[in-house]
C-alpha atoms as a PDB file:
ATOM      1  CA  MET A   1      10.880   4.722   4.252  1.00  0.00           C
ATOM      2  CA  THR A   2      12.010   5.891   0.855  1.00  0.00           C
ATOM      3  CA  ALA A   3      12.219   9.423  -0.425  1.00  0.00           C
ATOM      4  CA  VAL A   4       9.330   8.653  -2.763  1.00  0.00           C
ATOM      5  CA  HIS A   5       7.188   7.499   0.142  1.00  0.00           C
ATOM      6  CA  ASP A   6       7.923  10.745   1.983  1.00  0.00           C
ATOM      7  CA  VAL A   7       6.881  12.736  -1.076  1.00  0.00           C
ATOM      8  CA  LEU A   8       3.767  10.694  -1.775  1.00  0.00           C
ATOM      9  CA  LYS A   9       2.446   9.905   1.711  1.00  0.00           C
ATOM     10  CA  HIS A  10       0.140  12.940   1.847  1.00  0.00           C
ATOM     11  CA  VAL A  11      -1.455  12.366  -1.561  1.00  0.00           C
ATOM     12  CA  SER A  12      -4.529  10.152  -1.264  1.00  0.00           C
ATOM     13  CA  VAL A  13      -5.146   9.387  -4.954  1.00  0.00           C
ATOM     14  CA  VAL A  14      -1.634   8.147  -5.616  1.00  0.00           C
ATOM     15  CA  PRO A  15      -0.877   4.527  -4.734  1.00  0.00           C
ATOM     16  CA  PRO A  16       1.847   3.807  -2.144  1.00  0.00           C
ATOM     17  CA  ALA A  17       5.358   4.186  -3.530  1.00  0.00           C
ATOM     18  CA  ALA A  18       5.902   0.428  -3.551  1.00  0.00           C
ATOM     19  CA  GLU A  19       2.955   0.051  -5.949  1.00  0.00           C
ATOM     20  CA  LEU A  20       4.074   2.737  -8.393  1.00  0.00           C
ATOM     21  CA  PRO A  21       5.460   1.689 -11.747  1.00  0.00           C
ATOM     22  CA  ALA A  22       9.237   2.152 -11.772  1.00  0.00           C
ATOM     23  CA  ALA A  23       9.053   5.001 -14.296  1.00  0.00           C
ATOM     24  CA  ALA A  24       6.500   6.894 -12.176  1.00  0.00           C
ATOM     25  CA  ARG A  25       8.631   6.386  -9.075  1.00  0.00           C
ATOM     26  CA  ILE A  26      11.673   7.832 -10.855  1.00  0.00           C
ATOM     27  CA  LEU A  27       9.671  10.847 -12.063  1.00  0.00           C
ATOM     28  CA  ALA A  28       8.338  11.456  -8.532  1.00  0.00           C
ATOM     29  CA  GLU A  29      11.847  11.302  -7.082  1.00  0.00           C
ATOM     30  CA  THR A  30      13.253  13.621  -9.722  1.00  0.00           C
ATOM     31  CA  TYR A  31      10.372  16.109  -9.761  1.00  0.00           C
ATOM     32  CA  PRO A  32       8.585  15.890  -6.375  1.00  0.00           C
ATOM     33  CA  GLN A  33       6.508  18.962  -7.219  1.00  0.00           C
ATOM     34  CA  ILE A  34       4.551  16.972  -9.832  1.00  0.00           C
ATOM     35  CA  VAL A  35       3.102  14.545  -7.302  1.00  0.00           C
ATOM     36  CA  ASP A  36       0.517  16.877  -5.811  1.00  0.00           C
ATOM     37  CA  PHE A  37       0.389  19.593  -8.451  1.00  0.00           C
ATOM     38  CA  ASP A  38      -3.231  20.518  -9.230  1.00  0.00           C
ATOM     39  CA  SER A  39      -3.678  21.565 -12.839  1.00  0.00           C
ATOM     40  CA  THR A  40      -7.468  21.853 -12.642  1.00  0.00           C
ATOM     41  CA  GLY A  41      -8.622  24.566 -15.018  1.00  0.00           C
ATOM     42  CA  MET A  42      -5.146  25.159 -16.466  1.00  0.00           C
ATOM     43  CA  SER A  43      -4.155  24.920 -20.075  1.00  0.00           C
ATOM     44  CA  VAL A  44      -1.091  22.935 -21.103  1.00  0.00           C
ATOM     45  CA  GLU A  45       0.767  26.223 -21.543  1.00  0.00           C
ATOM     46  CA  GLU A  46      -0.084  27.302 -17.985  1.00  0.00           C
ATOM     47  CA  VAL A  47       1.162  23.995 -16.563  1.00  0.00           C
ATOM     48  CA  HIS A  48       4.443  24.512 -18.456  1.00  0.00           C
ATOM     49  CA  TYR A  49       4.656  28.072 -17.119  1.00  0.00           C
ATOM     50  CA  PHE A  50       4.144  27.081 -13.479  1.00  0.00           C
ATOM     51  CA  LEU A  51       6.254  23.921 -13.423  1.00  0.00           C
ATOM     52  CA  GLY A  52       8.864  24.686 -16.050  1.00  0.00           C
ATOM     53  CA  GLU A  53       9.422  22.751 -19.261  1.00  0.00           C
ATOM     54  CA  SER A  54      11.067  19.582 -17.926  1.00  0.00           C
ATOM     55  CA  ALA A  55       8.845  19.230 -14.867  1.00  0.00           C
ATOM     56  CA  ALA A  56       5.711  19.821 -16.943  1.00  0.00           C
ATOM     57  CA  ILE A  57       6.653  17.047 -19.357  1.00  0.00           C
ATOM     58  CA  ALA A  58       7.378  14.797 -16.372  1.00  0.00           C
ATOM     59  CA  TYR A  59       4.005  15.786 -14.870  1.00  0.00           C
ATOM     60  CA  PHE A  60       2.068  14.665 -17.943  1.00  0.00           C
ATOM     61  CA  GLN A  61       4.107  11.451 -18.207  1.00  0.00           C
ATOM     62  CA  TYR A  62       3.532  10.737 -14.510  1.00  0.00           C
ATOM     63  CA  ARG A  63      -0.235  11.213 -14.819  1.00  0.00           C
ATOM     64  CA  SER A  64      -0.297   8.984 -17.879  1.00  0.00           C
ATOM     65  CA  LEU A  65       1.652   6.233 -16.119  1.00  0.00           C
ATOM     66  CA  LEU A  66      -0.777   6.313 -13.176  1.00  0.00           C
ATOM     67  CA  LYS A  67      -3.755   6.523 -15.554  1.00  0.00           C
ATOM     68  CA  LEU A  68      -4.976   9.696 -13.852  1.00  0.00           C
ATOM     69  CA  PRO A  69      -7.375  12.015 -15.715  1.00  0.00           C
END
């Protein structure tokens, strides 16, 4: 198993690591906290506050790559 698989195995809405686009896989490996972060009800500023600047940018890129709402 890969590190990405270990990070993603408990998240049901995310496809298996082998099916992730390469860019999404790299983001998940670099910022594992973005994989299951729930930003429901948060503003963009709050997401940046909780994750930090770099991880928040990675979070929004990751969601875009996976076409998540």
